Amino acid sequence: MIRLSTRGCYGLRAMLELALHYGGKPVLMRTIAEKQDLSRKYLHALLTALKTAGLVRSIRGSSGGYVLAKPPSQIRVNDLVQVLEGSLAVTECVEDPTTCDRSSKCVAHELWGELSRSIENLLAEVTLQDLVNRQAAKASKATMYHI
């Protein structure tokens, strides 16, 4: 099974929480952890990596917290997934063809490469703003149907 680790999944949830508050006050780590049901210790590690990558900023002081380093429309999902997950290649031989002697003549290698590029392209097309919009539509629909 091809899957992202909890780093990628939880990191995206944390970034979405910051995107939902973009333009407002900084969001406390405690608030993100509570709203997204994440361990504070794990969240701290994720936010540190995202801060190092220039995707979030921390604001110190009594009204401090975390904010996105740029508008949600300028942060693509693949940016944060690559920071937290590393390569998005689905097999080791796609990431590094020298790991397999058959890479140059293997049609499966070509297929895995196409799949990896498709995943990267899809994640590159989606911004945090797109996810904020989807979240708003989902909330609106739930309200409409009293879910």
N, C-alpha and C. Protein backbone atom coordinates (compact mmCIF):
# COMPACT_ATOMS: atom_id res chain seq x y z
N MET A 1 0.84 -1.17 0.00
CA MET A 1 0.00 0.00 0.00
C MET A 1 0.89 1.24 0.00
N ILE A 2 0.56 2.17 -0.84
CA ILE A 2 1.25 3.45 -0.89
C ILE A 2 0.54 4.38 0.08
N ARG A 3 1.31 4.93 1.03
CA ARG A 3 0.67 5.84 1.98
C ARG A 3 1.66 6.85 2.52
N LEU A 4 1.10 7.99 2.89
CA LEU A 4 1.89 9.01 3.57
C LEU A 4 2.00 8.60 5.03
N SER A 5 3.06 9.04 5.68
CA SER A 5 3.19 8.79 7.11
C SER A 5 2.34 9.80 7.87
N THR A 6 2.30 9.63 9.18
CA THR A 6 1.55 10.59 10.00
C THR A 6 2.18 11.98 9.91
N ARG A 7 3.49 12.05 9.64
CA ARG A 7 4.14 13.37 9.49
C ARG A 7 3.44 14.18 8.41
N GLY A 8 3.24 13.59 7.25
CA GLY A 8 2.59 14.29 6.14
C GLY A 8 1.14 14.60 6.43
N CYS A 9 0.42 13.60 6.95
CA CYS A 9 -1.01 13.78 7.21
C CYS A 9 -1.25 14.81 8.31
N TYR A 10 -0.54 14.68 9.43
CA TYR A 10 -0.73 15.60 10.55
C TYR A 10 -0.19 16.99 10.21
N GLY A 11 0.90 17.03 9.45
CA GLY A 11 1.44 18.31 9.03
C GLY A 11 0.47 19.09 8.16
N LEU A 12 -0.21 18.38 7.27
CA LEU A 12 -1.21 19.03 6.43
C LEU A 12 -2.37 19.54 7.28
N ARG A 13 -2.79 18.76 8.27
CA ARG A 13 -3.88 19.20 9.15
C ARG A 13 -3.48 20.46 9.93
N ALA A 14 -2.24 20.49 10.40
CA ALA A 14 -1.76 21.68 11.13
C ALA A 14 -1.71 22.89 10.21
N MET A 15 -1.21 22.70 9.02
CA MET A 15 -1.14 23.81 8.05
C MET A 15 -2.53 24.28 7.66
N LEU A 16 -3.46 23.36 7.51
CA LEU A 16 -4.84 23.74 7.19
C LEU A 16 -5.43 24.58 8.33
N GLU A 17 -5.15 24.20 9.55
CA GLU A 17 -5.64 24.98 10.70
C GLU A 17 -5.09 26.40 10.65
N LEU A 18 -3.81 26.54 10.33
CA LEU A 18 -3.22 27.88 10.19
C LEU A 18 -3.84 28.63 9.01
N ALA A 19 -4.11 27.93 7.93
CA ALA A 19 -4.71 28.56 6.75
C ALA A 19 -6.12 29.06 7.06
N LEU A 20 -6.85 28.31 7.87
CA LEU A 20 -8.21 28.72 8.25
C LEU A 20 -8.20 30.01 9.06
N HIS A 21 -7.07 30.30 9.71
CA HIS A 21 -6.94 31.51 10.53
C HIS A 21 -6.06 32.57 9.87
N TYR A 22 -5.73 32.38 8.60
CA TYR A 22 -4.81 33.30 7.93
C TYR A 22 -5.37 34.72 7.94
N GLY A 23 -4.51 35.66 8.26
CA GLY A 23 -4.91 37.07 8.31
C GLY A 23 -5.42 37.48 9.67
N GLY A 24 -5.60 36.53 10.56
CA GLY A 24 -6.06 36.82 11.92
C GLY A 24 -4.90 36.75 12.89
N LYS A 25 -5.22 36.52 14.14
CA LYS A 25 -4.20 36.43 15.18
C LYS A 25 -3.40 35.13 15.01
N PRO A 26 -2.16 35.14 15.51
CA PRO A 26 -1.38 33.90 15.51
C PRO A 26 -2.13 32.81 16.29
N VAL A 27 -1.94 31.58 15.89
CA VAL A 27 -2.64 30.45 16.51
C VAL A 27 -1.68 29.74 17.46
N LEU A 28 -2.12 29.54 18.68
CA LEU A 28 -1.31 28.84 19.67
C LEU A 28 -1.15 27.38 19.28
N MET A 29 0.01 26.82 19.59
CA MET A 29 0.23 25.41 19.31
C MET A 29 -0.81 24.57 20.05
N ARG A 30 -1.15 24.95 21.24
CA ARG A 30 -2.16 24.23 22.03
C ARG A 30 -3.50 24.19 21.29
N THR A 31 -3.86 25.30 20.66
CA THR A 31 -5.12 25.37 19.92
C THR A 31 -5.10 24.45 18.71
N ILE A 32 -4.00 24.46 17.97
CA ILE A 32 -3.87 23.58 16.81
C ILE A 32 -3.97 22.13 17.27
N ALA A 33 -3.24 21.79 18.33
CA ALA A 33 -3.24 20.42 18.84
C ALA A 33 -4.64 19.98 19.25
N GLU A 34 -5.37 20.86 19.93
CA GLU A 34 -6.72 20.51 20.38
C GLU A 34 -7.68 20.37 19.21
N LYS A 35 -7.67 21.34 18.31
CA LYS A 35 -8.61 21.31 17.18
C LYS A 35 -8.34 20.17 16.22
N GLN A 36 -7.08 19.79 16.08
CA GLN A 36 -6.72 18.74 15.13
C GLN A 36 -6.43 17.41 15.83
N ASP A 37 -6.64 17.36 17.13
CA ASP A 37 -6.44 16.14 17.92
C ASP A 37 -5.03 15.56 17.70
N LEU A 38 -4.02 16.41 17.92
CA LEU A 38 -2.63 16.03 17.73
C LEU A 38 -1.87 16.17 19.05
N SER A 39 -0.88 15.35 19.23
CA SER A 39 0.01 15.47 20.38
C SER A 39 0.82 16.76 20.23
N ARG A 40 0.93 17.51 21.32
CA ARG A 40 1.70 18.77 21.27
C ARG A 40 3.17 18.50 20.95
N LYS A 41 3.71 17.44 21.51
CA LYS A 41 5.12 17.12 21.28
C LYS A 41 5.35 16.82 19.80
N TYR A 42 4.47 16.03 19.20
CA TYR A 42 4.60 15.69 17.79
C TYR A 42 4.38 16.93 16.92
N LEU A 43 3.37 17.71 17.28
CA LEU A 43 3.07 18.94 16.55
C LEU A 43 4.25 19.90 16.60
N HIS A 44 4.91 19.99 17.74
CA HIS A 44 6.07 20.87 17.86
C HIS A 44 7.14 20.47 16.85
N ALA A 45 7.40 19.18 16.72
CA ALA A 45 8.39 18.70 15.76
C ALA A 45 7.98 19.05 14.33
N LEU A 46 6.70 18.90 14.01
CA LEU A 46 6.21 19.22 12.67
C LEU A 46 6.35 20.71 12.39
N LEU A 47 5.93 21.53 13.34
CA LEU A 47 6.01 22.98 13.16
C LEU A 47 7.45 23.46 13.05
N THR A 48 8.34 22.82 13.76
CA THR A 48 9.76 23.17 13.67
C THR A 48 10.28 22.90 12.25
N ALA A 49 9.93 21.75 11.70
CA ALA A 49 10.35 21.42 10.33
C ALA A 49 9.74 22.39 9.32
N LEU A 50 8.47 22.71 9.50
CA LEU A 50 7.78 23.63 8.58
C LEU A 50 8.34 25.05 8.71
N LYS A 51 8.73 25.42 9.91
CA LYS A 51 9.33 26.74 10.14
C LYS A 51 10.70 26.80 9.47
N THR A 52 11.50 25.76 9.63
CA THR A 52 12.82 25.69 9.01
C THR A 52 12.71 25.80 7.49
N ALA A 53 11.65 25.22 6.94
CA ALA A 53 11.43 25.26 5.49
C ALA A 53 10.84 26.59 5.01
N GLY A 54 10.52 27.48 5.95
CA GLY A 54 9.98 28.79 5.57
C GLY A 54 8.50 28.78 5.25
N LEU A 55 7.77 27.76 5.72
CA LEU A 55 6.33 27.69 5.44
C LEU A 55 5.49 28.28 6.57
N VAL A 56 6.03 28.28 7.79
CA VAL A 56 5.35 28.92 8.92
C VAL A 56 6.32 29.82 9.65
N ARG A 57 5.76 30.75 10.42
CA ARG A 57 6.54 31.63 11.27
C ARG A 57 5.99 31.52 12.69
N SER A 58 6.87 31.67 13.64
CA SER A 58 6.40 31.72 15.03
C SER A 58 6.51 33.16 15.50
N ILE A 59 5.51 33.58 16.25
CA ILE A 59 5.46 34.92 16.81
C ILE A 59 5.59 34.76 18.32
N ARG A 60 6.54 35.44 18.90
CA ARG A 60 6.76 35.35 20.35
C ARG A 60 5.89 36.37 21.07
N GLY A 61 5.74 36.14 22.36
CA GLY A 61 5.05 37.11 23.19
C GLY A 61 3.68 36.63 23.61
N SER A 62 3.00 37.50 24.38
CA SER A 62 1.70 37.13 24.94
C SER A 62 0.63 36.92 23.88
N SER A 63 0.76 37.58 22.75
CA SER A 63 -0.22 37.37 21.68
C SER A 63 0.43 36.60 20.53
N GLY A 64 1.39 35.76 20.89
CA GLY A 64 2.13 35.01 19.89
C GLY A 64 1.46 33.71 19.51
N GLY A 65 2.15 32.97 18.68
CA GLY A 65 1.67 31.69 18.19
C GLY A 65 2.30 31.43 16.83
N TYR A 66 1.59 30.72 15.99
CA TYR A 66 2.09 30.37 14.66
C TYR A 66 1.19 30.96 13.58
N VAL A 67 1.83 31.35 12.48
CA VAL A 67 1.12 31.86 11.31
C VAL A 67 1.78 31.27 10.06
N LEU A 68 1.06 31.26 8.98
CA LEU A 68 1.65 30.87 7.71
C LEU A 68 2.65 31.95 7.29
N ALA A 69 3.73 31.56 6.66
CA ALA A 69 4.75 32.50 6.23
C ALA A 69 4.35 33.23 4.95
N LYS A 70 3.36 32.71 4.25
CA LYS A 70 2.84 33.36 3.04
C LYS A 70 1.38 32.99 2.89
N PRO A 71 0.67 33.66 2.01
CA PRO A 71 -0.77 33.38 1.86
C PRO A 71 -1.05 31.92 1.50
N PRO A 72 -2.18 31.38 1.96
CA PRO A 72 -2.53 29.99 1.67
C PRO A 72 -2.57 29.69 0.16
N SER A 73 -2.87 30.69 -0.63
CA SER A 73 -2.93 30.49 -2.09
C SER A 73 -1.54 30.29 -2.69
N GLN A 74 -0.50 30.58 -1.93
CA GLN A 74 0.87 30.44 -2.42
C GLN A 74 1.60 29.23 -1.85
N ILE A 75 0.90 28.45 -1.03
CA ILE A 75 1.52 27.26 -0.46
C ILE A 75 0.85 26.04 -1.07
N ARG A 76 1.62 25.30 -1.81
CA ARG A 76 1.12 24.10 -2.47
C ARG A 76 1.32 22.90 -1.55
N VAL A 77 0.39 21.97 -1.61
CA VAL A 77 0.44 20.80 -0.74
C VAL A 77 1.75 20.04 -0.92
N ASN A 78 2.25 19.96 -2.16
CA ASN A 78 3.50 19.22 -2.35
C ASN A 78 4.67 19.89 -1.64
N ASP A 79 4.62 21.21 -1.44
CA ASP A 79 5.69 21.90 -0.71
C ASP A 79 5.82 21.33 0.70
N LEU A 80 4.71 21.24 1.41
CA LEU A 80 4.79 20.78 2.78
C LEU A 80 4.96 19.28 2.88
N VAL A 81 4.38 18.52 1.95
CA VAL A 81 4.56 17.07 1.98
C VAL A 81 6.02 16.72 1.74
N GLN A 82 6.67 17.40 0.81
CA GLN A 82 8.08 17.11 0.56
C GLN A 82 8.96 17.47 1.75
N VAL A 83 8.61 18.55 2.45
CA VAL A 83 9.36 18.92 3.65
C VAL A 83 9.23 17.83 4.72
N LEU A 84 8.02 17.33 4.90
CA LEU A 84 7.76 16.39 5.99
C LEU A 84 8.01 14.93 5.62
N GLU A 85 7.84 14.60 4.35
CA GLU A 85 7.97 13.20 3.92
C GLU A 85 9.25 12.93 3.14
N GLY A 86 9.80 13.95 2.52
CA GLY A 86 10.93 13.72 1.62
C GLY A 86 10.40 13.39 0.24
N SER A 87 11.08 12.49 -0.44
CA SER A 87 10.70 12.11 -1.79
C SER A 87 9.29 11.52 -1.85
N LEU A 88 8.59 11.84 -2.92
CA LEU A 88 7.26 11.27 -3.13
C LEU A 88 7.29 10.08 -4.09
N ALA A 89 8.48 9.60 -4.38
CA ALA A 89 8.61 8.44 -5.27
C ALA A 89 7.97 7.23 -4.60
N VAL A 90 7.24 6.43 -5.39
CA VAL A 90 6.52 5.29 -4.82
C VAL A 90 7.40 4.06 -4.65
N THR A 91 8.56 4.05 -5.30
CA THR A 91 9.51 2.96 -5.10
C THR A 91 10.91 3.54 -4.99
N GLU A 92 11.78 2.78 -4.39
CA GLU A 92 13.16 3.23 -4.22
C GLU A 92 13.85 3.41 -5.57
N CYS A 93 13.51 2.53 -6.53
CA CYS A 93 14.19 2.61 -7.83
C CYS A 93 13.79 3.85 -8.63
N VAL A 94 12.64 4.41 -8.33
CA VAL A 94 12.24 5.66 -9.01
C VAL A 94 13.04 6.82 -8.43
N GLU A 95 13.21 6.80 -7.13
CA GLU A 95 13.98 7.85 -6.47
C GLU A 95 15.45 7.78 -6.86
N ASP A 96 15.98 6.57 -6.92
CA ASP A 96 17.39 6.36 -7.26
C ASP A 96 17.53 5.12 -8.14
N PRO A 97 17.51 5.31 -9.46
CA PRO A 97 17.57 4.17 -10.39
C PRO A 97 18.80 3.28 -10.21
N THR A 98 19.84 3.77 -9.57
CA THR A 98 21.04 2.95 -9.39
C THR A 98 20.83 1.84 -8.35
N THR A 99 19.72 1.88 -7.61
CA THR A 99 19.46 0.84 -6.61
C THR A 99 19.01 -0.47 -7.25
N CYS A 100 18.69 -0.43 -8.54
CA CYS A 100 18.23 -1.64 -9.23
C CYS A 100 18.89 -1.74 -10.60
N ASP A 101 19.50 -2.85 -10.84
CA ASP A 101 20.18 -3.07 -12.13
C ASP A 101 19.20 -3.12 -13.30
N ARG A 102 17.94 -3.36 -13.03
CA ARG A 102 16.95 -3.52 -14.09
C ARG A 102 16.24 -2.21 -14.46
N SER A 103 16.49 -1.14 -13.74
CA SER A 103 15.75 0.12 -13.93
C SER A 103 15.69 0.59 -15.37
N SER A 104 16.79 0.49 -16.10
CA SER A 104 16.83 1.02 -17.46
C SER A 104 16.01 0.20 -18.46
N LYS A 105 15.70 -1.03 -18.13
CA LYS A 105 14.96 -1.86 -19.08
C LYS A 105 13.63 -2.37 -18.50
N CYS A 106 13.24 -1.89 -17.35
CA CYS A 106 12.07 -2.41 -16.65
C CYS A 106 10.83 -1.54 -16.91
N VAL A 107 9.78 -2.15 -17.47
CA VAL A 107 8.56 -1.38 -17.72
C VAL A 107 7.83 -1.05 -16.42
N ALA A 108 8.00 -1.88 -15.40
CA ALA A 108 7.38 -1.56 -14.11
C ALA A 108 8.02 -0.30 -13.53
N HIS A 109 9.32 -0.15 -13.71
CA HIS A 109 10.02 1.05 -13.26
C HIS A 109 9.41 2.29 -13.93
N GLU A 110 9.14 2.17 -15.23
CA GLU A 110 8.52 3.29 -15.96
C GLU A 110 7.14 3.61 -15.39
N LEU A 111 6.36 2.58 -15.11
CA LEU A 111 5.02 2.77 -14.54
C LEU A 111 5.10 3.44 -13.18
N TRP A 112 6.01 2.97 -12.31
CA TRP A 112 6.15 3.58 -10.99
C TRP A 112 6.61 5.03 -11.10
N GLY A 113 7.43 5.32 -12.09
CA GLY A 113 7.85 6.70 -12.32
C GLY A 113 6.69 7.57 -12.73
N GLU A 114 5.83 7.06 -13.62
CA GLU A 114 4.65 7.81 -14.04
C GLU A 114 3.71 8.05 -12.87
N LEU A 115 3.52 7.02 -12.04
CA LEU A 115 2.66 7.17 -10.86
C LEU A 115 3.23 8.21 -9.91
N SER A 116 4.52 8.16 -9.66
CA SER A 116 5.17 9.14 -8.77
C SER A 116 4.99 10.56 -9.29
N ARG A 117 5.19 10.74 -10.60
CA ARG A 117 5.02 12.09 -11.20
C ARG A 117 3.56 12.54 -11.12
N SER A 118 2.63 11.62 -11.29
CA SER A 118 1.20 11.97 -11.18
C SER A 118 0.86 12.45 -9.77
N ILE A 119 1.38 11.76 -8.79
CA ILE A 119 1.14 12.16 -7.40
C ILE A 119 1.74 13.55 -7.15
N GLU A 120 2.98 13.74 -7.57
CA GLU A 120 3.64 15.03 -7.39
C GLU A 120 2.87 16.14 -8.11
N ASN A 121 2.42 15.87 -9.32
CA ASN A 121 1.68 16.88 -10.09
C ASN A 121 0.36 17.23 -9.43
N LEU A 122 -0.37 16.24 -8.93
CA LEU A 122 -1.64 16.50 -8.26
C LEU A 122 -1.41 17.36 -7.02
N LEU A 123 -0.44 16.98 -6.20
CA LEU A 123 -0.17 17.74 -4.98
C LEU A 123 0.36 19.14 -5.29
N ALA A 124 1.00 19.31 -6.43
CA ALA A 124 1.49 20.63 -6.84
C ALA A 124 0.36 21.53 -7.32
N GLU A 125 -0.75 20.93 -7.75
CA GLU A 125 -1.89 21.72 -8.23
C GLU A 125 -2.77 22.23 -7.10
N VAL A 126 -2.70 21.61 -5.93
CA VAL A 126 -3.59 21.95 -4.82
C VAL A 126 -2.87 22.86 -3.83
N THR A 127 -3.51 23.98 -3.52
CA THR A 127 -2.96 24.91 -2.53
C THR A 127 -3.73 24.78 -1.22
N LEU A 128 -3.16 25.35 -0.18
CA LEU A 128 -3.89 25.39 1.09
C LEU A 128 -5.20 26.16 0.94
N GLN A 129 -5.22 27.18 0.09
CA GLN A 129 -6.45 27.93 -0.13
C GLN A 129 -7.52 27.04 -0.74
N ASP A 130 -7.13 26.16 -1.65
CA ASP A 130 -8.09 25.21 -2.22
C ASP A 130 -8.70 24.35 -1.11
N LEU A 131 -7.88 23.93 -0.16
CA LEU A 131 -8.39 23.10 0.94
C LEU A 131 -9.28 23.91 1.88
N VAL A 132 -8.93 25.17 2.11
CA VAL A 132 -9.79 26.06 2.91
C VAL A 132 -11.15 26.18 2.24
N ASN A 133 -11.16 26.36 0.92
CA ASN A 133 -12.42 26.47 0.18
C ASN A 133 -13.22 25.18 0.26
N ARG A 134 -12.55 24.05 0.15
CA ARG A 134 -13.24 22.76 0.27
C ARG A 134 -13.83 22.59 1.66
N GLN A 135 -13.08 23.01 2.68
CA GLN A 135 -13.55 22.91 4.06
C GLN A 135 -14.80 23.76 4.26
N ALA A 136 -14.78 24.96 3.71
CA ALA A 136 -15.94 25.86 3.83
C ALA A 136 -17.15 25.26 3.13
N ALA A 137 -16.95 24.68 1.96
CA ALA A 137 -18.07 24.06 1.22
C ALA A 137 -18.61 22.86 1.99
N LYS A 138 -17.74 22.09 2.60
CA LYS A 138 -18.15 20.92 3.38
C LYS A 138 -18.95 21.36 4.60
N ALA A 139 -18.49 22.40 5.27
CA ALA A 139 -19.19 22.92 6.45
C ALA A 139 -20.56 23.47 6.06
N SER A 140 -20.61 24.15 4.93
CA SER A 140 -21.87 24.71 4.45
C SER A 140 -22.87 23.60 4.13
N LYS A 141 -22.38 22.56 3.49
CA LYS A 141 -23.23 21.43 3.13
C LYS A 141 -23.75 20.73 4.38
N ALA A 142 -22.88 20.56 5.38
CA ALA A 142 -23.27 19.90 6.63
C ALA A 142 -24.34 20.71 7.35
N THR A 143 -24.21 22.05 7.32
CA THR A 143 -25.20 22.93 7.93
C THR A 143 -26.53 22.83 7.19
N MET A 144 -26.45 22.78 5.87
CA MET A 144 -27.64 22.72 5.04
C MET A 144 -28.45 21.46 5.34
N TYR A 145 -27.75 20.35 5.57
CA TYR A 145 -28.43 19.08 5.81
C TYR A 145 -28.50 18.71 7.28
N HIS A 146 -28.10 19.64 8.15
CA HIS A 146 -28.11 19.45 9.60
C HIS A 146 -27.35 18.20 10.02
N ILE A 147 -26.19 18.03 9.45
CA ILE A 147 -25.37 16.85 9.78
C ILE A 147 -24.55 17.15 11.00
